[in-house]
C-alpha atoms as a PDB file:
ATOM      1  CA  MET A   1      -3.900   8.929 -18.929  1.00  0.00           C
ATOM      2  CA  THR A   2      -1.015   6.950 -20.647  1.00  0.00           C
ATOM      3  CA  THR A   3      -0.291   7.934 -24.342  1.00  0.00           C
ATOM      4  CA  THR A   4       1.551   5.290 -26.438  1.00  0.00           C
ATOM      5  CA  ASP A   5       5.233   6.458 -28.444  1.00  0.00           C
ATOM      6  CA  SER A   6       4.557   7.138 -31.547  1.00  0.00           C
ATOM      7  CA  ILE A   7       7.747   6.575 -32.908  1.00  0.00           C
ATOM      8  CA  PRO A   8       8.766   3.393 -33.839  1.00  0.00           C
ATOM      9  CA  ARG A   9      11.616   1.282 -32.277  1.00  0.00           C
ATOM     10  CA  SER A  10      14.547   0.616 -34.654  1.00  0.00           C
ATOM     11  CA  ARG A  11      14.632  -3.544 -35.613  1.00  0.00           C
ATOM     12  CA  GLU A  12      18.342  -5.240 -35.275  1.00  0.00           C
ATOM     13  CA  SER A  13      17.036  -6.537 -38.763  1.00  0.00           C
ATOM     14  CA  SER A  14      17.395  -2.709 -40.097  1.00  0.00           C
ATOM     15  CA  ALA A  15      20.810  -1.810 -39.362  1.00  0.00           C
ATOM     16  CA  PRO A  16      23.053  -2.163 -42.099  1.00  0.00           C
ATOM     17  CA  THR A  17      25.384  -5.283 -42.274  1.00  0.00           C
ATOM     18  CA  PRO A  18      28.590  -5.032 -43.664  1.00  0.00           C
ATOM     19  CA  ARG A  19      29.811  -5.637 -46.685  1.00  0.00           C
ATOM     20  CA  THR A  20      32.063  -8.655 -47.527  1.00  0.00           C
ATOM     21  CA  VAL A  21      35.221  -7.800 -48.886  1.00  0.00           C
ATOM     22  CA  HIS A  22      36.707 -10.158 -51.311  1.00  0.00           C
ATOM     23  CA  ARG A  23      40.065  -9.571 -52.129  1.00  0.00           C
ATOM     24  CA  ARG A  24      41.843 -11.776 -54.708  1.00  0.00           C
ATOM     25  CA  ARG A  25      44.560 -13.739 -53.623  1.00  0.00           C
ATOM     26  CA  ARG A  26      47.724 -13.848 -55.446  1.00  0.00           C
ATOM     27  CA  PRO A  27      49.158 -16.943 -56.471  1.00  0.00           C
ATOM     28  CA  ILE A  28      51.591 -18.737 -54.307  1.00  0.00           C
ATOM     29  CA  GLY A  29      53.500 -20.040 -57.023  1.00  0.00           C
ATOM     30  CA  ALA A  30      54.567 -16.599 -58.376  1.00  0.00           C
ATOM     31  CA  PRO A  31      56.897 -15.397 -55.919  1.00  0.00           C
ATOM     32  CA  ILE A  32      58.580 -18.334 -56.547  1.00  0.00           C
ATOM     33  CA  ALA A  33      58.595 -18.535 -60.149  1.00  0.00           C
ATOM     34  CA  THR A  34      59.950 -14.953 -60.242  1.00  0.00           C
ATOM     35  CA  HIS A  35      62.731 -15.483 -57.780  1.00  0.00           C
ATOM     36  CA  ALA A  36      63.427 -18.516 -58.935  1.00  0.00           C
ATOM     37  CA  ILE A  37      64.474 -17.093 -62.716  1.00  0.00           C
ATOM     38  CA  LEU A  38      66.185 -14.500 -61.237  1.00  0.00           C
ATOM     39  CA  ILE A  39      68.560 -16.788 -59.172  1.00  0.00           C
ATOM     40  CA  VAL A  40      69.047 -18.749 -62.752  1.00  0.00           C
ATOM     41  CA  PHE A  41      70.173 -15.258 -64.332  1.00  0.00           C
ATOM     42  CA  SER A  42      72.190 -14.399 -61.554  1.00  0.00           C
ATOM     43  CA  VAL A  43      74.135 -17.518 -61.526  1.00  0.00           C
ATOM     44  CA  LEU A  44      74.702 -17.172 -65.642  1.00  0.00           C
ATOM     45  CA  ALA A  45      75.774 -14.068 -64.755  1.00  0.00           C
ATOM     46  CA  ILE A  46      78.311 -14.997 -61.910  1.00  0.00           C
ATOM     47  CA  LEU A  47      79.961 -18.372 -63.421  1.00  0.00           C
ATOM     48  CA  PRO A  48      82.303 -16.401 -66.213  1.00  0.00           C
ATOM     49  CA  LEU A  49      83.368 -14.391 -63.690  1.00  0.00           C
ATOM     50  CA  VAL A  50      84.109 -17.307 -61.204  1.00  0.00           C
ATOM     51  CA  SER A  51      85.611 -18.550 -63.617  1.00  0.00           C
ATOM     52  CA  ILE A  52      88.009 -16.473 -64.374  1.00  0.00           C
ATOM     53  CA  VAL A  53      89.307 -16.093 -60.975  1.00  0.00           C
ATOM     54  CA  LEU A  54      89.725 -20.053 -60.725  1.00  0.00           C
ATOM     55  CA  ALA A  55      91.714 -19.612 -63.798  1.00  0.00           C
ATOM     56  CA  SER A  56      93.560 -16.694 -62.265  1.00  0.00           C
ATOM     57  CA  LEU A  57      95.171 -19.004 -59.429  1.00  0.00           C
ATOM     58  CA  GLN A  58      96.346 -22.302 -61.192  1.00  0.00           C
ATOM     59  CA  PRO A  59      99.946 -22.590 -61.367  1.00  0.00           C
ATOM     60  CA  LEU A  60     101.847 -21.494 -63.881  1.00  0.00           C
ATOM     61  CA  GLY A  61     102.096 -23.760 -66.771  1.00  0.00           C
ATOM     62  CA  SER A  62      98.625 -25.874 -65.805  1.00  0.00           C
ATOM     63  CA  THR A  63      95.810 -25.584 -67.779  1.00  0.00           C
ATOM     64  CA  SER A  64      91.880 -24.834 -66.680  1.00  0.00           C
ATOM     65  CA  GLU A  65      88.658 -26.005 -67.892  1.00  0.00           C
ATOM     66  CA  GLY A  66      85.656 -24.380 -67.268  1.00  0.00           C
ATOM     67  CA  LEU A  67      84.902 -24.540 -63.086  1.00  0.00           C
ATOM     68  CA  GLN A  68      88.141 -26.404 -62.211  1.00  0.00           C
ATOM     69  CA  LEU A  69      89.442 -25.690 -59.169  1.00  0.00           C
ATOM     70  CA  PRO A  70      93.143 -24.799 -58.835  1.00  0.00           C
ATOM     71  CA  ARG A  71      95.733 -27.900 -57.554  1.00  0.00           C
ATOM     72  CA  ALA A  72      97.107 -25.162 -55.650  1.00  0.00           C
ATOM     73  CA  LEU A  73      96.254 -20.942 -54.909  1.00  0.00           C
ATOM     74  CA  ASP A  74      99.059 -19.349 -57.259  1.00  0.00           C
ATOM     75  CA  PHE A  75      98.879 -15.401 -56.018  1.00  0.00           C
ATOM     76  CA  ALA A  76     102.251 -14.862 -57.648  1.00  0.00           C
ATOM     77  CA  ASN A  77     100.038 -14.867 -61.078  1.00  0.00           C
ATOM     78  CA  TYR A  78      98.985 -11.467 -60.114  1.00  0.00           C
ATOM     79  CA  VAL A  79     102.139 -10.020 -59.549  1.00  0.00           C
ATOM     80  CA  ARG A  80     103.793 -11.494 -62.405  1.00  0.00           C
ATOM     81  CA  ALA A  81     100.914  -9.963 -64.985  1.00  0.00           C
ATOM     82  CA  TRP A  82     101.069  -6.658 -63.335  1.00  0.00           C
ATOM     83  CA  ASN A  83     105.177  -6.794 -63.647  1.00  0.00           C
ATOM     84  CA  ASN A  84     104.882  -8.540 -67.819  1.00  0.00           C
ATOM     85  CA  ALA A  85     102.356  -6.228 -69.014  1.00  0.00           C
ATOM     86  CA  ASP A  86     103.695  -3.321 -66.656  1.00  0.00           C
ATOM     87  CA  PHE A  87     100.103  -2.186 -65.887  1.00  0.00           C
ATOM     88  CA  SER A  88     101.015   0.827 -63.857  1.00  0.00           C
ATOM     89  CA  VAL A  89     101.869   2.505 -66.710  1.00  0.00           C
ATOM     90  CA  LEU A  90      98.572   1.038 -68.723  1.00  0.00           C
ATOM     91  CA  MET A  91      96.639   1.670 -66.033  1.00  0.00           C
ATOM     92  CA  ARG A  92      97.418   5.697 -66.109  1.00  0.00           C
ATOM     93  CA  ASN A  93      96.782   5.538 -69.090  1.00  0.00           C
ATOM     94  CA  SER A  94      93.560   4.352 -69.476  1.00  0.00           C
ATOM     95  CA  PHE A  95      92.530   7.031 -66.366  1.00  0.00           C
ATOM     96  CA  ILE A  96      94.025   9.481 -68.510  1.00  0.00           C
ATOM     97  CA  VAL A  97      91.880   8.357 -71.628  1.00  0.00           C
ATOM     98  CA  ALA A  98      88.400   8.093 -69.390  1.00  0.00           C
ATOM     99  CA  ALA A  99      89.415  11.061 -67.737  1.00  0.00           C
ATOM    100  CA  CYS A 100      89.221  12.913 -70.879  1.00  0.00           C
ATOM    101  CA  VAL A 101      86.407  10.976 -72.823  1.00  0.00           C
ATOM    102  CA  VAL A 102      83.818  10.520 -69.998  1.00  0.00           C
ATOM    103  CA  PRO A 103      83.348  14.907 -69.051  1.00  0.00           C
ATOM    104  CA  LEU A 104      84.129  15.812 -73.281  1.00  0.00           C
ATOM    105  CA  GLY A 105      81.085  13.013 -74.172  1.00  0.00           C
ATOM    106  CA  SER A 106      79.033  13.836 -71.413  1.00  0.00           C
ATOM    107  CA  VAL A 107      78.864  17.750 -71.780  1.00  0.00           C
ATOM    108  CA  ILE A 108      78.369  17.149 -75.612  1.00  0.00           C
ATOM    109  CA  CYS A 109      75.345  14.398 -75.282  1.00  0.00           C
ATOM    110  CA  ILE A 110      73.828  16.799 -72.744  1.00  0.00           C
ATOM    111  CA  LEU A 111      74.025  19.451 -75.208  1.00  0.00           C
ATOM    112  CA  THR A 112      72.543  17.377 -78.226  1.00  0.00           C
ATOM    113  CA  GLY A 113      70.053  15.550 -76.369  1.00  0.00           C
ATOM    114  CA  TYR A 114      68.660  18.875 -75.140  1.00  0.00           C
ATOM    115  CA  ALA A 115      68.567  20.341 -78.529  1.00  0.00           C
ATOM    116  CA  PHE A 116      66.688  17.036 -79.955  1.00  0.00           C
ATOM    117  CA  GLY A 117      64.553  17.007 -77.153  1.00  0.00           C
ATOM    118  CA  THR A 118      63.260  20.860 -76.487  1.00  0.00           C
ATOM    119  CA  MET A 119      64.301  22.393 -79.636  1.00  0.00           C
ATOM    120  CA  ARG A 120      62.592  22.162 -82.907  1.00  0.00           C
ATOM    121  CA  PHE A 121      64.616  23.368 -86.157  1.00  0.00           C
ATOM    122  CA  ARG A 122      64.681  22.652 -89.921  1.00  0.00           C
ATOM    123  CA  GLY A 123      66.306  19.261 -90.754  1.00  0.00           C
ATOM    124  CA  GLU A 124      65.924  18.302 -86.905  1.00  0.00           C
ATOM    125  CA  ARG A 125      64.642  14.477 -87.972  1.00  0.00           C
ATOM    126  CA  ALA A 126      67.173  14.098 -90.460  1.00  0.00           C
ATOM    127  CA  LEU A 127      70.230  14.613 -88.212  1.00  0.00           C
ATOM    128  CA  PHE A 128      68.602  12.737 -85.495  1.00  0.00           C
ATOM    129  CA  THR A 129      68.519  10.024 -87.897  1.00  0.00           C
ATOM    130  CA  ILE A 130      71.938   9.920 -88.850  1.00  0.00           C
ATOM    131  CA  PHE A 131      73.015  10.516 -84.869  1.00  0.00           C
ATOM    132  CA  LEU A 132      70.677   6.652 -84.963  1.00  0.00           C
ATOM    133  CA  ILE A 133      72.868   5.207 -87.511  1.00  0.00           C
ATOM    134  CA  GLY A 134      75.866   5.493 -85.279  1.00  0.00           C
ATOM    135  CA  LEU A 135      73.857   3.153 -83.087  1.00  0.00           C
ATOM    136  CA  LEU A 136      73.500   0.490 -86.142  1.00  0.00           C
ATOM    137  CA  MET A 137      76.458   0.755 -87.973  1.00  0.00           C
ATOM    138  CA  PRO A 138      79.771  -1.138 -86.248  1.00  0.00           C
ATOM    139  CA  PHE A 139      82.710   0.934 -85.822  1.00  0.00           C
ATOM    140  CA  GLU A 140      84.560  -1.732 -86.847  1.00  0.00           C
ATOM    141  CA  ALA A 141      83.882  -1.121 -90.465  1.00  0.00           C
ATOM    142  CA  THR A 142      85.687   2.288 -90.080  1.00  0.00           C
ATOM    143  CA  ILE A 143      88.749   1.518 -88.226  1.00  0.00           C
ATOM    144  CA  VAL A 144      91.105   0.866 -90.680  1.00  0.00           C
ATOM    145  CA  PRO A 145      90.260   4.633 -92.533  1.00  0.00           C
ATOM    146  CA  LEU A 146      90.111   6.204 -89.296  1.00  0.00           C
ATOM    147  CA  TYR A 147      93.735   4.484 -88.626  1.00  0.00           C
ATOM    148  CA  TYR A 148      95.181   6.121 -91.647  1.00  0.00           C
ATOM    149  CA  ASP A 149      93.599   9.455 -91.048  1.00  0.00           C
ATOM    150  CA  LEU A 150      94.221  10.098 -87.683  1.00  0.00           C
ATOM    151  CA  ARG A 151      98.244   9.288 -88.991  1.00  0.00           C
ATOM    152  CA  SER A 152      97.933  11.529 -91.462  1.00  0.00           C
ATOM    153  CA  ILE A 153      97.649  15.077 -89.372  1.00  0.00           C
ATOM    154  CA  GLY A 154      99.876  13.576 -86.707  1.00  0.00           C
ATOM    155  CA  LEU A 155      97.734  11.984 -83.825  1.00  0.00           C
ATOM    156  CA  ALA A 156      98.312   8.400 -83.972  1.00  0.00           C
ATOM    157  CA  ASN A 157     100.088   7.102 -81.350  1.00  0.00           C
ATOM    158  CA  THR A 158      98.601   9.701 -79.112  1.00  0.00           C
ATOM    159  CA  TYR A 159      96.083  10.388 -76.439  1.00  0.00           C
ATOM    160  CA  ALA A 160      94.378  12.414 -78.528  1.00  0.00           C
ATOM    161  CA  GLY A 161      94.097   9.724 -81.001  1.00  0.00           C
ATOM    162  CA  LEU A 162      92.316   8.040 -78.463  1.00  0.00           C
ATOM    163  CA  VAL A 163      90.174  10.404 -76.967  1.00  0.00           C
ATOM    164  CA  LEU A 164      88.757  12.004 -79.795  1.00  0.00           C
ATOM    165  CA  PRO A 165      87.248   8.013 -81.632  1.00  0.00           C
ATOM    166  CA  GLU A 166      85.873   7.245 -78.096  1.00  0.00           C
ATOM    167  CA  THR A 167      83.781  10.149 -77.933  1.00  0.00           C
ATOM    168  CA  ALA A 168      82.516  10.350 -80.751  1.00  0.00           C
ATOM    169  CA  LEU A 169      82.144   6.727 -80.510  1.00  0.00           C
ATOM    170  CA  PHE A 170      79.712   7.388 -77.604  1.00  0.00           C
ATOM    171  CA  LEU A 171      77.702  10.366 -79.111  1.00  0.00           C
ATOM    172  CA  SER A 172      75.121   8.258 -80.554  1.00  0.00           C
ATOM    173  CA  PHE A 173      74.031   6.454 -77.257  1.00  0.00           C
ATOM    174  CA  GLY A 174      74.485   9.555 -75.466  1.00  0.00           C
ATOM    175  CA  THR A 175      72.266  11.804 -77.488  1.00  0.00           C
ATOM    176  CA  PHE A 176      69.680   9.082 -77.869  1.00  0.00           C
ATOM    177  CA  TRP A 177      69.886   8.549 -74.089  1.00  0.00           C
ATOM    178  CA  MET A 178      69.790  12.181 -73.214  1.00  0.00           C
ATOM    179  CA  ARG A 179      67.335  13.321 -75.475  1.00  0.00           C
ATOM    180  CA  ALA A 180      64.739  10.532 -74.292  1.00  0.00           C
ATOM    181  CA  SER A 181      65.673  12.003 -70.615  1.00  0.00           C
ATOM    182  CA  PHE A 182      64.237  15.362 -71.487  1.00  0.00           C
ATOM    183  CA  LEU A 183      61.662  14.889 -73.513  1.00  0.00           C
ATOM    184  CA  ALA A 184      60.197  12.556 -69.784  1.00  0.00           C
ATOM    185  CA  THR A 185      60.333  16.007 -67.985  1.00  0.00           C
ATOM    186  CA  GLU A 186      57.394  17.707 -67.275  1.00  0.00           C
ATOM    187  CA  ARG A 187      56.710  20.462 -70.095  1.00  0.00           C
ATOM    188  CA  SER A 188      55.641  22.916 -66.983  1.00  0.00           C
ATOM    189  CA  LEU A 189      58.720  23.732 -65.610  1.00  0.00           C
ATOM    190  CA  VAL A 190      60.222  24.538 -69.126  1.00  0.00           C
ATOM    191  CA  GLU A 191      57.903  26.914 -69.482  1.00  0.00           C
ATOM    192  CA  ALA A 192      57.794  28.770 -65.841  1.00  0.00           C
ATOM    193  CA  ALA A 193      61.542  29.401 -66.381  1.00  0.00           C
ATOM    194  CA  ARG A 194      60.747  30.838 -70.083  1.00  0.00           C
ATOM    195  CA  ILE A 195      58.148  32.851 -68.203  1.00  0.00           C
ATOM    196  CA  ASP A 196      60.939  33.850 -65.595  1.00  0.00           C
ATOM    197  CA  GLY A 197      62.974  34.908 -68.209  1.00  0.00           C
ATOM    198  CA  ALA A 198      65.409  32.155 -68.034  1.00  0.00           C
ATOM    199  CA  ASN A 199      67.174  31.641 -71.583  1.00  0.00           C
ATOM    200  CA  SER A 200      67.892  28.422 -73.065  1.00  0.00           C
ATOM    201  CA  TRP A 201      71.388  28.208 -71.393  1.00  0.00           C
ATOM    202  CA  THR A 202      69.520  28.664 -67.975  1.00  0.00           C
ATOM    203  CA  THR A 203      66.907  26.587 -68.260  1.00  0.00           C
ATOM    204  CA  LEU A 204      68.804  23.480 -69.187  1.00  0.00           C
ATOM    205  CA  TRP A 205      71.842  23.887 -66.285  1.00  0.00           C
ATOM    206  CA  ARG A 206      69.787  25.370 -63.430  1.00  0.00           C
ATOM    207  CA  VAL A 207      66.038  23.335 -64.493  1.00  0.00           C
ATOM    208  CA  LEU A 208      66.333  20.761 -66.598  1.00  0.00           C
ATOM    209  CA  VAL A 209      70.105  19.179 -66.033  1.00  0.00           C
ATOM    210  CA  PRO A 210      69.040  18.555 -62.210  1.00  0.00           C
ATOM    211  CA  ASN A 211      66.001  16.836 -62.662  1.00  0.00           C
ATOM    212  CA  ALA A 212      67.838  14.661 -65.209  1.00  0.00           C
ATOM    213  CA  TRP A 213      70.777  13.582 -63.456  1.00  0.00           C
ATOM    214  CA  PRO A 214      69.982   9.971 -62.496  1.00  0.00           C
ATOM    215  CA  ALA A 215      70.041   9.892 -66.237  1.00  0.00           C
ATOM    216  CA  ILE A 216      72.900  11.625 -66.627  1.00  0.00           C
ATOM    217  CA  THR A 217      74.813   9.619 -63.560  1.00  0.00           C
ATOM    218  CA  THR A 218      74.043   6.176 -65.630  1.00  0.00           C
ATOM    219  CA  MET A 219      75.300   7.556 -68.866  1.00  0.00           C
ATOM    220  CA  VAL A 220      78.685   8.780 -67.041  1.00  0.00           C
ATOM    221  CA  VAL A 221      79.099   5.148 -65.566  1.00  0.00           C
ATOM    222  CA  LEU A 222      78.826   3.210 -68.622  1.00  0.00           C
ATOM    223  CA  PHE A 223      81.203   5.629 -70.720  1.00  0.00           C
ATOM    224  CA  PHE A 224      83.588   5.131 -68.131  1.00  0.00           C
ATOM    225  CA  ILE A 225      82.919   1.302 -68.366  1.00  0.00           C
ATOM    226  CA  TRP A 226      83.036   1.480 -72.173  1.00  0.00           C
ATOM    227  CA  SER A 227      85.953   3.433 -72.522  1.00  0.00           C
ATOM    228  CA  TRP A 228      88.288   1.926 -69.826  1.00  0.00           C
ATOM    229  CA  ASN A 229      87.483  -1.811 -71.973  1.00  0.00           C
ATOM    230  CA  GLU A 230      88.004  -0.451 -75.110  1.00  0.00           C
ATOM    231  CA  PHE A 231      90.179  -2.705 -76.580  1.00  0.00           C
ATOM    232  CA  LEU A 232      90.176  -2.655 -80.384  1.00  0.00           C
ATOM    233  CA  LEU A 233      90.975   0.971 -81.000  1.00  0.00           C
ATOM    234  CA  ALA A 234      93.700   1.202 -78.129  1.00  0.00           C
ATOM    235  CA  LEU A 235      95.429  -1.818 -79.936  1.00  0.00           C
ATOM    236  CA  VAL A 236      94.863  -0.127 -84.127  1.00  0.00           C
ATOM    237  CA  LEU A 237      95.599   3.240 -82.977  1.00  0.00           C
ATOM    238  CA  THR A 238      98.376   2.998 -80.658  1.00  0.00           C
ATOM    239  CA  GLN A 239     101.284   0.591 -80.825  1.00  0.00           C
ATOM    240  CA  ASP A 240     103.369   2.711 -78.314  1.00  0.00           C
ATOM    241  CA  HIS A 241     103.639   0.988 -75.161  1.00  0.00           C
ATOM    242  CA  ALA A 242     104.200   4.831 -73.528  1.00  0.00           C
ATOM    243  CA  VAL A 243     100.152   5.408 -74.401  1.00  0.00           C
ATOM    244  CA  GLN A 244      98.595   2.282 -74.840  1.00  0.00           C
ATOM    245  CA  THR A 245      95.754   1.399 -72.493  1.00  0.00           C
ATOM    246  CA  ALA A 246      95.038  -1.590 -70.241  1.00  0.00           C
ATOM    247  CA  PRO A 247      92.762  -3.786 -72.570  1.00  0.00           C
ATOM    248  CA  ALA A 248      95.925  -3.691 -75.010  1.00  0.00           C
ATOM    249  CA  GLY A 249      98.204  -5.034 -72.460  1.00  0.00           C
ATOM    250  CA  LEU A 250      96.092  -8.459 -72.913  1.00  0.00           C
ATOM    251  CA  GLY A 251      97.640  -9.515 -75.539  1.00  0.00           C
ATOM    252  CA  LEU A 252     101.059  -9.651 -74.429  1.00  0.00           C
ATOM    253  CA  PHE A 253     100.258 -13.023 -72.496  1.00  0.00           C
ATOM    254  CA  THR A 254      99.084 -14.443 -75.950  1.00  0.00           C
ATOM    255  CA  GLY A 255     101.581 -15.985 -77.988  1.00  0.00           C
ATOM    256  CA  GLU A 256     102.112 -17.733 -81.365  1.00  0.00           C
ATOM    257  CA  HIS A 257     103.031 -21.001 -79.948  1.00  0.00           C
ATOM    258  CA  GLY A 258     101.076 -20.626 -76.774  1.00  0.00           C
ATOM    259  CA  THR A 259      99.070 -18.338 -74.246  1.00  0.00           C
ATOM    260  CA  ASP A 260     100.134 -18.122 -70.487  1.00  0.00           C
ATOM    261  CA  THR A 261      96.273 -18.670 -69.253  1.00  0.00           C
ATOM    262  CA  SER A 262      96.648 -18.148 -65.584  1.00  0.00           C
ATOM    263  CA  GLY A 263      98.478 -14.349 -66.411  1.00  0.00           C
ATOM    264  CA  LEU A 264      95.389 -13.336 -68.594  1.00  0.00           C
ATOM    265  CA  ALA A 265      93.146 -14.254 -66.497  1.00  0.00           C
ATOM    266  CA  ALA A 266      94.766 -12.560 -63.814  1.00  0.00           C
ATOM    267  CA  ALA A 267      95.202  -9.607 -66.033  1.00  0.00           C
ATOM    268  CA  ALA A 268      92.109  -9.351 -66.814  1.00  0.00           C
ATOM    269  CA  ILE A 269      91.000  -9.391 -63.340  1.00  0.00           C
ATOM    270  CA  ILE A 270      93.089  -6.433 -62.308  1.00  0.00           C
ATOM    271  CA  MET A 271      91.589  -4.530 -65.452  1.00  0.00           C
ATOM    272  CA  THR A 272      88.522  -4.809 -64.100  1.00  0.00           C
ATOM    273  CA  VAL A 273      88.618  -3.872 -60.802  1.00  0.00           C
ATOM    274  CA  PRO A 274      88.514  -0.268 -61.688  1.00  0.00           C
ATOM    275  CA  ALA A 275      85.301  -0.342 -63.318  1.00  0.00           C
ATOM    276  CA  LEU A 276      83.960  -3.116 -60.996  1.00  0.00           C
ATOM    277  CA  ILE A 277      84.583  -0.413 -58.222  1.00  0.00           C
ATOM    278  CA  VAL A 278      82.941   2.821 -60.235  1.00  0.00           C
ATOM    279  CA  TYR A 279      79.684   0.614 -60.488  1.00  0.00           C
ATOM    280  CA  VAL A 280      79.678  -0.173 -57.046  1.00  0.00           C
ATOM    281  CA  LEU A 281      79.862   3.251 -55.955  1.00  0.00           C
ATOM    282  CA  LEU A 282      77.483   4.665 -58.370  1.00  0.00           C
ATOM    283  CA  GLN A 283      75.217   1.445 -58.367  1.00  0.00           C
ATOM    284  CA  ARG A 284      71.965   3.245 -56.612  1.00  0.00           C
ATOM    285  CA  HIS A 285      72.117   6.447 -59.241  1.00  0.00           C
ATOM    286  CA  PHE A 286      72.822   3.954 -61.903  1.00  0.00           C
ATOM    287  CA  VAL A 287      69.752   1.770 -61.694  1.00  0.00           C
ATOM    288  CA  GLN A 288      67.860   4.776 -60.835  1.00  0.00           C
ATOM    289  CA  GLY A 289      68.553   6.150 -63.946  1.00  0.00           C
ATOM    290  CA  VAL A 290      67.989   3.465 -65.946  1.00  0.00           C
ATOM    291  CA  THR A 291      64.151   2.523 -64.680  1.00  0.00           C
ATOM    292  CA  SER A 292      63.520   6.492 -64.340  1.00  0.00           C
ATOM    293  CA  GLY A 293      63.752   9.365 -67.157  1.00  0.00           C
ATOM    294  CA  GLY A 294      65.609   7.168 -69.905  1.00  0.00           C
ATOM    295  CA  VAL A 295      62.537   5.525 -71.016  1.00  0.00           C
ATOM    296  CA  LYS A 296      60.557   7.971 -72.517  1.00  0.00           C
ATOM    297  CA  GLY A 297      61.200   8.388 -76.191  1.00  0.00           C
END
C-alpha cells in the first residue's frame, strides 16, 4: 500500500522575488556646473597675483597695464626694491611685531572666548555686545586720537606702540571666534572634567584647548597675516624707519611726480612671501578650523 506525501511541494511562483531598488540619479550637469563655478572664482582670485608678478618683471621706467607681458624679464627689480626700501630692517621689524601680537592676542582671545562660551555672569551679554562693536566700527576713525594718546605716554615710534593697538584690533574677532568654538564643544566633556575635580583653568587647557586646536590654528594664521599686512597703523604710529614694518616700506616707491611701478610690484611680492609661506604650511589646519568648530554661535 502506497502512501501519498501530505506535504505540498513548494512552487516557483511562491518564492519571494527581489525588489527592484530605484536609485535617483544625480543630474550629469551638476558636477560640471560646480567645477565651472570653482574654476571661474579661482581664476578671478589668481589674476591679481599674476598681474603683480608680471608688473614686477617689467623693465625700469616702463608702464604696465593689466596682464601685459614684459618686453624683457628684469629680475633686478627685486634687488633694487630690497635695497631701496631696506627690507632687511623692515622684515625684521615685521617679524618682531607679529611674534608679539600673535601669541599675546591668541592667549587673550582664548581666555575671553572661554569666559563668554562656558561661563554665566552678570553683564555677560552687554560686555559681549561691546566686543562685537569692535567688528563693526572702522578703526580708521580712531587712528588720530590713538596716535596722540600713544605719543603722550611715550609709545610713539616704538614696538609697543604697534603691538598693543594691533592686539586690541584683533580681540573682537578672536573673542567671537573662540566663543563659537567653545560653544560647539560637547558639554559632556566639561561636565566630566568638573566631576573629576578639575578647576576652570585645568578644564580650559587640558580639555577644551586640545579639542579646539583647529580653530586656534586658524585664528593664529589670520592674526599673523593681518599683523604682517597692517599698513595704516605702521604708517601713522611709526615715522622712524628703525621700527617701521614691511607694509610701510611700500610708500617709498610712490613719489609726488611719479611711481616706480615695477619696484612697487617687486616690493609687494617680497612682502607677501612670508605670509604666503605661513598659510601654505598651515593650510590643512586652517581649512579644518574654518569648517569645524568656528561656525556655531
